[in-house]
Amino acid sequence: MKNKVFGAQAQLWDNNETTMENIAIKNSFTINQFQIDAAPISLLPEVNKLNNFNFILVGIGSYDNSRHAIEDMVNSLRIVTIESLDFSTEGGTVSGNLRVSLKGKSYYEP
């Protein structure tokens, strides 16, 4: 299943072809849920002020693939802070996959 992000806010994440979808594909990490809180898309610009939006990501991957996907996300050009990060086994211990639940915040200039 191809990962998709819908909504005008998703365009805020795009930066030099580094979208959440591309990060997931590159790292063989499956995104099951990617939810973005409402974010204003047109504001009067304020000097030296960053806006932000909250997001929730739930995905599945091996330990290494999950770790690499998270590293790519936080090392992207867009500033990202991780508010919470939870790991649990997915499909029992035999599968070797982890379920990753991540709550974060991304920042952008208006």
Foldseek 3Di string as FASTA:
>chain_A
DQDDDDDPVQVVQDDPNDHLRVLCVVLVKAWPDKDKDDDDPDDDFDPPDKDKIKMKTKIKDAPVSVVSSVVCSCPDPWHKDWPDWDWDDDPPVVVNMIIIITIIMTIDGD
